[in-house]
N, C-alpha and C. Protein backbone atom coordinates (compact mmCIF):
# COMPACT_ATOMS: atom_id res chain seq x y z
N MET A 1 -17.54 -3.31 13.12
CA MET A 1 -16.17 -2.84 13.09
C MET A 1 -15.32 -3.82 12.31
N ILE A 2 -14.55 -3.28 11.38
CA ILE A 2 -13.65 -4.10 10.57
C ILE A 2 -12.22 -3.69 10.90
N ASN A 3 -11.38 -4.66 11.19
CA ASN A 3 -9.96 -4.42 11.39
C ASN A 3 -9.22 -4.91 10.16
N ILE A 4 -8.36 -4.05 9.64
CA ILE A 4 -7.53 -4.37 8.49
C ILE A 4 -6.08 -4.30 8.93
N TYR A 5 -5.31 -5.30 8.54
CA TYR A 5 -3.87 -5.36 8.80
C TYR A 5 -3.19 -5.43 7.44
N THR A 6 -2.13 -4.65 7.25
CA THR A 6 -1.49 -4.60 5.94
C THR A 6 0.02 -4.59 6.05
N ASP A 7 0.65 -4.99 4.96
CA ASP A 7 2.10 -4.84 4.83
C ASP A 7 2.46 -4.87 3.35
N GLY A 8 3.58 -4.27 3.04
CA GLY A 8 4.12 -4.27 1.69
C GLY A 8 5.58 -4.67 1.73
N ALA A 9 6.08 -5.15 0.61
CA ALA A 9 7.48 -5.58 0.53
C ALA A 9 7.99 -5.36 -0.88
N ALA A 10 9.27 -5.09 -0.99
CA ALA A 10 9.93 -5.02 -2.29
C ALA A 10 11.31 -5.64 -2.13
N ARG A 11 11.64 -6.51 -3.06
CA ARG A 11 12.96 -7.14 -3.06
C ARG A 11 13.85 -6.29 -3.96
N GLY A 12 14.54 -5.36 -3.33
CA GLY A 12 15.17 -4.27 -4.04
C GLY A 12 14.16 -3.15 -3.99
N ASN A 13 14.61 -1.94 -4.05
CA ASN A 13 13.66 -0.83 -3.95
C ASN A 13 14.09 0.25 -4.93
N PRO A 14 13.75 0.12 -6.21
CA PRO A 14 12.69 -0.70 -6.77
C PRO A 14 13.13 -2.14 -7.04
N GLY A 15 12.12 -2.97 -7.21
CA GLY A 15 12.32 -4.38 -7.52
C GLY A 15 10.98 -5.08 -7.50
N PRO A 16 11.00 -6.41 -7.60
CA PRO A 16 9.74 -7.14 -7.48
C PRO A 16 9.13 -6.86 -6.11
N GLY A 17 7.83 -6.61 -6.09
CA GLY A 17 7.20 -6.27 -4.83
C GLY A 17 5.88 -6.97 -4.64
N GLY A 18 5.44 -6.98 -3.39
CA GLY A 18 4.17 -7.59 -3.06
C GLY A 18 3.51 -6.88 -1.90
N TRP A 19 2.24 -7.16 -1.74
CA TRP A 19 1.48 -6.60 -0.63
C TRP A 19 0.61 -7.70 -0.05
N GLY A 20 0.28 -7.57 1.22
CA GLY A 20 -0.59 -8.51 1.88
C GLY A 20 -1.54 -7.77 2.80
N ALA A 21 -2.75 -8.29 2.94
CA ALA A 21 -3.75 -7.67 3.81
C ALA A 21 -4.62 -8.74 4.44
N ILE A 22 -5.04 -8.46 5.65
CA ILE A 22 -6.00 -9.30 6.37
C ILE A 22 -7.16 -8.41 6.78
N LEU A 23 -8.37 -8.89 6.55
CA LEU A 23 -9.58 -8.22 7.02
C LEU A 23 -10.22 -9.12 8.06
N LYS A 24 -10.56 -8.55 9.22
CA LYS A 24 -11.21 -9.30 10.29
C LYS A 24 -12.41 -8.52 10.80
N SER A 25 -13.52 -9.21 10.92
CA SER A 25 -14.72 -8.61 11.49
C SER A 25 -15.55 -9.74 12.10
N GLY A 26 -15.65 -9.73 13.42
CA GLY A 26 -16.37 -10.82 14.08
C GLY A 26 -15.77 -12.15 13.72
N ARG A 27 -16.58 -13.05 13.18
CA ARG A 27 -16.07 -14.37 12.79
C ARG A 27 -15.56 -14.40 11.36
N HIS A 28 -15.61 -13.28 10.67
CA HIS A 28 -15.16 -13.21 9.28
C HIS A 28 -13.66 -12.89 9.22
N TYR A 29 -12.98 -13.58 8.31
CA TYR A 29 -11.53 -13.43 8.15
C TYR A 29 -11.20 -13.62 6.67
N LYS A 30 -10.44 -12.68 6.12
CA LYS A 30 -10.08 -12.79 4.70
C LYS A 30 -8.63 -12.32 4.52
N GLU A 31 -7.87 -13.09 3.74
CA GLU A 31 -6.51 -12.71 3.38
C GLU A 31 -6.46 -12.35 1.90
N LEU A 32 -5.69 -11.30 1.59
CA LEU A 32 -5.52 -10.84 0.21
C LEU A 32 -4.03 -10.60 -0.03
N SER A 33 -3.60 -10.78 -1.26
CA SER A 33 -2.21 -10.45 -1.60
C SER A 33 -2.08 -10.29 -3.10
N GLY A 34 -1.01 -9.65 -3.51
CA GLY A 34 -0.70 -9.46 -4.92
C GLY A 34 0.68 -8.89 -5.06
N GLY A 35 1.14 -8.79 -6.31
CA GLY A 35 2.49 -8.28 -6.51
C GLY A 35 2.71 -7.74 -7.90
N PHE A 36 3.88 -7.12 -8.08
CA PHE A 36 4.27 -6.52 -9.35
C PHE A 36 5.76 -6.81 -9.60
N SER A 37 6.11 -6.80 -10.87
CA SER A 37 7.47 -7.14 -11.26
C SER A 37 8.49 -6.07 -10.91
N CYS A 38 8.08 -4.82 -10.91
CA CYS A 38 9.00 -3.73 -10.57
C CYS A 38 8.20 -2.61 -9.92
N THR A 39 8.48 -2.38 -8.65
CA THR A 39 7.72 -1.40 -7.88
C THR A 39 8.57 -0.98 -6.68
N THR A 40 7.94 -0.29 -5.74
CA THR A 40 8.66 0.12 -4.53
C THR A 40 7.89 -0.35 -3.29
N ASN A 41 8.58 -0.38 -2.18
CA ASN A 41 7.97 -0.77 -0.92
C ASN A 41 6.82 0.16 -0.56
N ASN A 42 7.00 1.47 -0.69
CA ASN A 42 5.93 2.40 -0.32
C ASN A 42 4.68 2.19 -1.17
N ARG A 43 4.85 1.92 -2.45
CA ARG A 43 3.68 1.66 -3.30
C ARG A 43 2.94 0.41 -2.83
N MET A 44 3.68 -0.61 -2.43
CA MET A 44 3.05 -1.85 -1.97
C MET A 44 2.37 -1.65 -0.62
N GLU A 45 2.97 -0.87 0.27
CA GLU A 45 2.34 -0.56 1.56
C GLU A 45 0.99 0.12 1.33
N LEU A 46 0.97 1.10 0.45
CA LEU A 46 -0.26 1.85 0.17
C LEU A 46 -1.28 1.00 -0.58
N LEU A 47 -0.82 0.21 -1.53
CA LEU A 47 -1.74 -0.62 -2.31
C LEU A 47 -2.44 -1.66 -1.42
N ALA A 48 -1.74 -2.18 -0.44
CA ALA A 48 -2.36 -3.15 0.48
C ALA A 48 -3.57 -2.52 1.16
N VAL A 49 -3.43 -1.28 1.60
CA VAL A 49 -4.54 -0.59 2.26
C VAL A 49 -5.68 -0.35 1.26
N ILE A 50 -5.33 0.11 0.07
CA ILE A 50 -6.35 0.41 -0.95
C ILE A 50 -7.18 -0.82 -1.28
N VAL A 51 -6.52 -1.92 -1.61
CA VAL A 51 -7.25 -3.12 -2.02
C VAL A 51 -8.10 -3.65 -0.87
N ALA A 52 -7.57 -3.61 0.35
CA ALA A 52 -8.36 -4.07 1.50
C ALA A 52 -9.62 -3.23 1.66
N LEU A 53 -9.49 -1.91 1.57
CA LEU A 53 -10.66 -1.04 1.68
C LEU A 53 -11.64 -1.26 0.53
N GLU A 54 -11.11 -1.47 -0.67
CA GLU A 54 -11.97 -1.72 -1.83
C GLU A 54 -12.74 -3.04 -1.71
N THR A 55 -12.26 -3.95 -0.88
CA THR A 55 -12.90 -5.24 -0.70
C THR A 55 -14.16 -5.15 0.17
N ILE A 56 -14.25 -4.11 0.98
CA ILE A 56 -15.39 -3.95 1.88
C ILE A 56 -16.64 -3.63 1.06
N LYS A 57 -17.67 -4.42 1.27
CA LYS A 57 -18.88 -4.30 0.45
C LYS A 57 -19.84 -3.23 0.96
N LYS A 58 -19.92 -3.02 2.27
CA LYS A 58 -20.87 -2.09 2.85
C LYS A 58 -20.26 -0.69 2.98
N ALA A 59 -20.97 0.31 2.45
CA ALA A 59 -20.50 1.70 2.57
C ALA A 59 -20.59 2.17 4.01
N ASN A 60 -19.80 3.17 4.34
CA ASN A 60 -19.77 3.78 5.68
C ASN A 60 -19.37 2.81 6.78
N ALA A 61 -18.58 1.81 6.44
CA ALA A 61 -18.12 0.86 7.44
C ALA A 61 -17.13 1.54 8.38
N GLU A 62 -17.17 1.14 9.64
CA GLU A 62 -16.16 1.61 10.60
C GLU A 62 -14.97 0.67 10.48
N VAL A 63 -13.83 1.26 10.15
CA VAL A 63 -12.64 0.48 9.84
C VAL A 63 -11.44 1.02 10.60
N THR A 64 -10.65 0.12 11.13
CA THR A 64 -9.35 0.49 11.69
C THR A 64 -8.28 -0.23 10.89
N VAL A 65 -7.39 0.54 10.31
CA VAL A 65 -6.28 -0.02 9.54
C VAL A 65 -5.05 -0.03 10.44
N HIS A 66 -4.44 -1.20 10.57
CA HIS A 66 -3.23 -1.38 11.36
C HIS A 66 -2.08 -1.58 10.36
N SER A 67 -1.13 -0.67 10.36
CA SER A 67 -0.06 -0.73 9.37
C SER A 67 1.28 -0.40 10.03
N ASP A 68 2.33 -1.03 9.54
CA ASP A 68 3.67 -0.69 10.03
C ASP A 68 4.33 0.38 9.15
N SER A 69 3.55 0.95 8.24
CA SER A 69 4.08 1.97 7.33
C SER A 69 3.83 3.37 7.88
N SER A 70 4.89 4.01 8.33
CA SER A 70 4.73 5.40 8.77
C SER A 70 4.40 6.28 7.57
N TYR A 71 4.86 5.90 6.38
CA TYR A 71 4.54 6.63 5.15
C TYR A 71 3.02 6.75 5.00
N VAL A 72 2.31 5.64 5.15
CA VAL A 72 0.86 5.63 4.99
C VAL A 72 0.17 6.25 6.20
N CYS A 73 0.49 5.79 7.40
CA CYS A 73 -0.19 6.27 8.60
C CYS A 73 0.01 7.76 8.82
N ASP A 74 1.24 8.23 8.67
CA ASP A 74 1.51 9.66 8.89
C ASP A 74 0.83 10.53 7.85
N ALA A 75 0.76 10.06 6.62
CA ALA A 75 0.11 10.86 5.57
C ALA A 75 -1.34 11.17 5.94
N ILE A 76 -2.01 10.23 6.58
CA ILE A 76 -3.40 10.45 6.98
C ILE A 76 -3.48 11.10 8.35
N ASN A 77 -2.84 10.50 9.34
CA ASN A 77 -2.97 10.97 10.71
C ASN A 77 -2.41 12.37 10.94
N LYS A 78 -1.42 12.75 10.17
CA LYS A 78 -0.83 14.10 10.32
C LYS A 78 -1.41 15.09 9.32
N GLY A 79 -2.36 14.63 8.49
CA GLY A 79 -3.06 15.52 7.57
C GLY A 79 -2.29 15.89 6.31
N TRP A 80 -1.14 15.28 6.09
CA TRP A 80 -0.33 15.64 4.92
C TRP A 80 -1.08 15.36 3.63
N LEU A 81 -1.76 14.22 3.58
CA LEU A 81 -2.43 13.80 2.35
C LEU A 81 -3.42 14.85 1.86
N PHE A 82 -4.13 15.45 2.76
CA PHE A 82 -5.17 16.42 2.36
C PHE A 82 -4.54 17.73 1.89
N GLN A 83 -3.36 18.05 2.38
CA GLN A 83 -2.61 19.20 1.85
C GLN A 83 -2.07 18.89 0.46
N TRP A 84 -1.57 17.66 0.28
CA TRP A 84 -1.09 17.25 -1.04
C TRP A 84 -2.21 17.31 -2.06
N GLU A 85 -3.39 16.87 -1.64
CA GLU A 85 -4.54 16.86 -2.55
C GLU A 85 -4.89 18.29 -2.98
N LYS A 86 -4.86 19.23 -2.05
CA LYS A 86 -5.18 20.63 -2.36
C LYS A 86 -4.22 21.19 -3.41
N LYS A 87 -2.98 20.68 -3.42
CA LYS A 87 -1.97 21.12 -4.38
C LYS A 87 -1.86 20.17 -5.56
N ASP A 88 -2.90 19.34 -5.76
CA ASP A 88 -2.96 18.35 -6.84
C ASP A 88 -1.73 17.45 -6.87
N PHE A 89 -1.22 17.12 -5.70
CA PHE A 89 -0.11 16.19 -5.53
C PHE A 89 1.17 16.64 -6.23
N ALA A 90 1.32 17.95 -6.41
CA ALA A 90 2.51 18.49 -7.07
C ALA A 90 3.77 18.02 -6.33
N LYS A 91 4.68 17.43 -7.06
CA LYS A 91 5.97 16.96 -6.57
C LYS A 91 5.86 15.92 -5.46
N LYS A 92 4.74 15.20 -5.41
CA LYS A 92 4.57 14.15 -4.41
C LYS A 92 4.67 12.78 -5.07
N LYS A 93 5.08 11.81 -4.30
CA LYS A 93 5.26 10.45 -4.81
C LYS A 93 3.91 9.71 -4.84
N ASN A 94 3.75 8.87 -5.81
CA ASN A 94 2.62 7.95 -5.93
C ASN A 94 1.24 8.61 -6.00
N PRO A 95 1.11 9.69 -6.77
CA PRO A 95 -0.20 10.36 -6.82
C PRO A 95 -1.30 9.46 -7.37
N ASP A 96 -0.96 8.54 -8.28
CA ASP A 96 -1.98 7.63 -8.81
C ASP A 96 -2.61 6.80 -7.71
N LEU A 97 -1.79 6.31 -6.78
CA LEU A 97 -2.33 5.50 -5.69
C LEU A 97 -3.02 6.35 -4.63
N TRP A 98 -2.48 7.52 -4.34
CA TRP A 98 -3.12 8.38 -3.34
C TRP A 98 -4.50 8.82 -3.82
N LYS A 99 -4.65 9.12 -5.09
CA LYS A 99 -5.96 9.51 -5.62
C LYS A 99 -6.93 8.34 -5.53
N ARG A 100 -6.47 7.16 -5.86
CA ARG A 100 -7.30 5.96 -5.74
C ARG A 100 -7.68 5.71 -4.28
N PHE A 101 -6.71 5.91 -3.39
CA PHE A 101 -6.96 5.75 -1.96
C PHE A 101 -8.07 6.69 -1.48
N LEU A 102 -7.98 7.95 -1.86
CA LEU A 102 -8.96 8.93 -1.39
C LEU A 102 -10.39 8.58 -1.78
N ILE A 103 -10.56 8.01 -2.96
CA ILE A 103 -11.91 7.62 -3.40
C ILE A 103 -12.51 6.60 -2.44
N ILE A 104 -11.77 5.57 -2.10
CA ILE A 104 -12.31 4.52 -1.23
C ILE A 104 -12.29 4.96 0.23
N PHE A 105 -11.31 5.72 0.64
CA PHE A 105 -11.22 6.23 2.02
C PHE A 105 -12.48 7.01 2.38
N ARG A 106 -12.97 7.80 1.45
CA ARG A 106 -14.13 8.65 1.71
C ARG A 106 -15.45 7.89 1.73
N LYS A 107 -15.43 6.62 1.38
CA LYS A 107 -16.64 5.81 1.42
C LYS A 107 -16.83 5.12 2.77
N HIS A 108 -15.85 5.25 3.65
CA HIS A 108 -15.89 4.57 4.95
C HIS A 108 -15.45 5.53 6.06
N LYS A 109 -15.58 5.07 7.28
CA LYS A 109 -15.07 5.79 8.45
C LYS A 109 -13.80 5.06 8.88
N VAL A 110 -12.67 5.59 8.46
CA VAL A 110 -11.40 4.88 8.60
C VAL A 110 -10.48 5.60 9.57
N LYS A 111 -9.89 4.84 10.47
CA LYS A 111 -8.82 5.39 11.30
C LYS A 111 -7.59 4.50 11.12
N PHE A 112 -6.44 5.11 11.30
CA PHE A 112 -5.17 4.42 11.09
C PHE A 112 -4.40 4.30 12.40
N VAL A 113 -3.85 3.11 12.63
CA VAL A 113 -3.03 2.85 13.80
C VAL A 113 -1.69 2.32 13.31
N TRP A 114 -0.62 2.99 13.68
CA TRP A 114 0.72 2.52 13.32
C TRP A 114 1.13 1.44 14.32
N ILE A 115 1.67 0.34 13.79
CA ILE A 115 2.21 -0.72 14.64
C ILE A 115 3.66 -0.96 14.23
N LYS A 116 4.47 -1.34 15.19
CA LYS A 116 5.87 -1.62 14.90
C LYS A 116 5.98 -2.92 14.12
N GLY A 117 6.65 -2.87 12.98
CA GLY A 117 6.81 -4.04 12.15
C GLY A 117 7.84 -5.01 12.70
N HIS A 118 7.72 -6.26 12.32
CA HIS A 118 8.67 -7.32 12.70
C HIS A 118 8.86 -7.35 14.22
N ASN A 119 7.72 -7.24 14.91
CA ASN A 119 7.76 -7.17 16.37
C ASN A 119 6.86 -8.22 17.01
N GLY A 120 6.57 -9.29 16.26
CA GLY A 120 5.78 -10.38 16.80
C GLY A 120 4.28 -10.17 16.76
N HIS A 121 3.82 -9.12 16.10
CA HIS A 121 2.37 -8.90 15.95
C HIS A 121 1.85 -9.93 14.96
N THR A 122 0.96 -10.80 15.40
CA THR A 122 0.54 -11.97 14.61
C THR A 122 0.05 -11.59 13.22
N GLU A 123 -0.89 -10.66 13.13
CA GLU A 123 -1.44 -10.30 11.82
C GLU A 123 -0.42 -9.57 10.96
N ASN A 124 0.39 -8.72 11.56
CA ASN A 124 1.41 -8.02 10.78
C ASN A 124 2.44 -9.00 10.22
N GLU A 125 2.82 -9.97 11.02
CA GLU A 125 3.77 -10.98 10.55
C GLU A 125 3.18 -11.79 9.41
N ARG A 126 1.89 -12.10 9.52
CA ARG A 126 1.23 -12.85 8.43
C ARG A 126 1.16 -12.01 7.17
N CYS A 127 0.85 -10.73 7.30
CA CYS A 127 0.80 -9.84 6.13
C CYS A 127 2.18 -9.73 5.50
N ASP A 128 3.21 -9.66 6.31
CA ASP A 128 4.57 -9.61 5.77
C ASP A 128 4.86 -10.87 4.96
N LYS A 129 4.46 -12.02 5.48
CA LYS A 129 4.68 -13.27 4.76
C LYS A 129 3.91 -13.28 3.44
N LEU A 130 2.65 -12.82 3.48
CA LEU A 130 1.85 -12.74 2.24
C LEU A 130 2.52 -11.83 1.22
N ALA A 131 3.02 -10.67 1.68
CA ALA A 131 3.65 -9.70 0.77
C ALA A 131 4.94 -10.26 0.16
N VAL A 132 5.76 -10.86 0.99
CA VAL A 132 7.03 -11.43 0.48
C VAL A 132 6.75 -12.56 -0.49
N GLU A 133 5.81 -13.45 -0.16
CA GLU A 133 5.46 -14.55 -1.06
C GLU A 133 4.92 -14.01 -2.38
N ALA A 134 4.10 -12.97 -2.32
CA ALA A 134 3.55 -12.38 -3.55
C ALA A 134 4.67 -11.80 -4.42
N SER A 135 5.67 -11.22 -3.78
CA SER A 135 6.77 -10.62 -4.54
C SER A 135 7.62 -11.67 -5.25
N MET A 136 7.51 -12.92 -4.83
CA MET A 136 8.31 -14.00 -5.41
C MET A 136 7.55 -14.80 -6.46
N MET A 137 6.31 -14.46 -6.71
CA MET A 137 5.53 -15.19 -7.70
C MET A 137 6.13 -15.00 -9.09
N LEU A 138 5.96 -16.00 -9.92
CA LEU A 138 6.46 -15.92 -11.29
C LEU A 138 5.49 -15.09 -12.16
N ASN A 139 6.03 -14.48 -13.17
CA ASN A 139 5.23 -13.74 -14.15
C ASN A 139 4.38 -12.63 -13.53
N LEU A 140 4.98 -11.90 -12.61
CA LEU A 140 4.27 -10.77 -12.01
C LEU A 140 3.99 -9.71 -13.06
N PRO A 141 2.84 -9.06 -12.99
CA PRO A 141 2.55 -7.99 -13.95
C PRO A 141 3.36 -6.75 -13.62
N PRO A 142 3.49 -5.84 -14.58
CA PRO A 142 4.18 -4.57 -14.30
C PRO A 142 3.29 -3.67 -13.46
N ASP A 143 3.92 -2.84 -12.66
CA ASP A 143 3.21 -1.79 -11.91
C ASP A 143 3.17 -0.58 -12.83
N ASN A 144 2.12 -0.46 -13.61
CA ASN A 144 2.04 0.57 -14.65
C ASN A 144 2.16 1.98 -14.09
N GLY A 145 1.66 2.22 -12.88
CA GLY A 145 1.80 3.53 -12.27
C GLY A 145 3.26 3.87 -12.00
N TYR A 146 4.01 2.90 -11.57
CA TYR A 146 5.43 3.10 -11.31
C TYR A 146 6.20 3.28 -12.62
N ILE A 147 5.91 2.45 -13.61
CA ILE A 147 6.61 2.52 -14.89
C ILE A 147 6.34 3.85 -15.59
N THR A 148 5.13 4.37 -15.47
CA THR A 148 4.80 5.67 -16.06
C THR A 148 5.69 6.75 -15.47
N VAL A 149 5.89 6.72 -14.17
CA VAL A 149 6.73 7.71 -13.51
C VAL A 149 8.17 7.60 -13.99
N ILE A 150 8.67 6.38 -14.13
CA ILE A 150 10.04 6.18 -14.62
C ILE A 150 10.17 6.75 -16.04
N ASN A 151 9.19 6.46 -16.88
CA ASN A 151 9.24 6.93 -18.27
C ASN A 151 9.18 8.45 -18.37
N GLU A 152 8.58 9.09 -17.38
CA GLU A 152 8.51 10.55 -17.38
C GLU A 152 9.78 11.17 -16.79
N GLY A 153 10.70 10.31 -16.33
CA GLY A 153 11.97 10.80 -15.81
C GLY A 153 11.91 11.30 -14.39
N ASN A 154 10.89 10.91 -13.64
CA ASN A 154 10.75 11.34 -12.25
C ASN A 154 11.22 10.25 -11.32
N SER A 155 11.54 10.63 -10.12
CA SER A 155 11.88 9.67 -9.09
C SER A 155 10.59 9.29 -8.37
N PRO A 156 10.10 8.06 -8.51
CA PRO A 156 8.80 7.69 -7.98
C PRO A 156 8.75 7.52 -6.47
N ASP A 157 9.87 7.31 -5.82
CA ASP A 157 9.86 7.01 -4.41
C ASP A 157 11.16 7.52 -3.81
N SER A 158 11.06 8.27 -2.75
CA SER A 158 12.26 8.86 -2.16
C SER A 158 13.24 7.80 -1.69
N SER A 159 12.75 6.60 -1.42
CA SER A 159 13.65 5.55 -0.96
C SER A 159 14.16 4.67 -2.10
N ALA A 160 13.74 4.99 -3.33
CA ALA A 160 14.15 4.19 -4.48
C ALA A 160 15.57 4.55 -4.88
N THR A 161 16.29 3.55 -5.32
CA THR A 161 17.62 3.81 -5.82
C THR A 161 17.53 4.10 -7.30
N GLU A 162 18.44 4.91 -7.80
CA GLU A 162 18.41 5.27 -9.21
C GLU A 162 19.17 4.21 -10.00
N GLN A 163 18.49 3.64 -10.98
CA GLN A 163 19.11 2.63 -11.82
C GLN A 163 18.30 2.48 -13.09
N THR A 164 18.93 1.90 -14.11
CA THR A 164 18.22 1.65 -15.36
C THR A 164 17.43 0.36 -15.20
N LEU A 165 16.12 0.43 -15.51
CA LEU A 165 15.25 -0.70 -15.30
C LEU A 165 14.65 -1.17 -16.61
N PRO A 166 14.53 -2.47 -16.80
CA PRO A 166 13.82 -2.96 -17.99
C PRO A 166 12.33 -2.73 -17.81
N LEU A 167 11.66 -2.35 -18.86
CA LEU A 167 10.21 -2.18 -18.80
C LEU A 167 9.58 -3.51 -19.17
N LEU A 168 9.06 -4.19 -18.17
CA LEU A 168 8.51 -5.53 -18.36
C LEU A 168 7.09 -5.48 -18.85
C-alpha cells in the first residue's frame, strides 16, 4: 500500500505556482516538488497527484491519495471525470492534465481521500510548504498547457482572474 499526500499553490491565480507530494510506503518516504512561472492553483493540485502517481514503479499498486483539493477528489469520487472524458473534455478546464492523469490512474488501483487543508495534518502541511517553496524558485519554466489555453482565448480555470499575462 502506497499513501500519497499532495498539495498545490499559486501566488496569484494565475501566477507563479508550485506543487508538492509525499509518497509513503512502509519504511520508504519520498518528497517531490516543482513549479511554473504562470499557472493556477487547480493545475498545481492536479499535477502533484499526476507526478506522484507517475513516480510509482510497480504497476497495479494499491494507492491512496490524500488531497485537500475538492477539485481533484470530487472529479474522481463523484465520477465527473469519466463523464468529461466521454464528452472529450468539451468546455472543461485543464484537459491536458486530466488526460495525462487518466493514463497513469488506470495503471494502478487508486482511491482518493479528501482532507481539510491547513488543519494541522503533518503530511499536508509539508506538501503545502513544498508547493509554496517551489512557487518561489527563480527561473521557473512556463506551464505550456496553461499558456496554450490563454493563447486560444479560453479561461483555463474557473477561479482564475482575467488579466493580460506575459508569455514567459
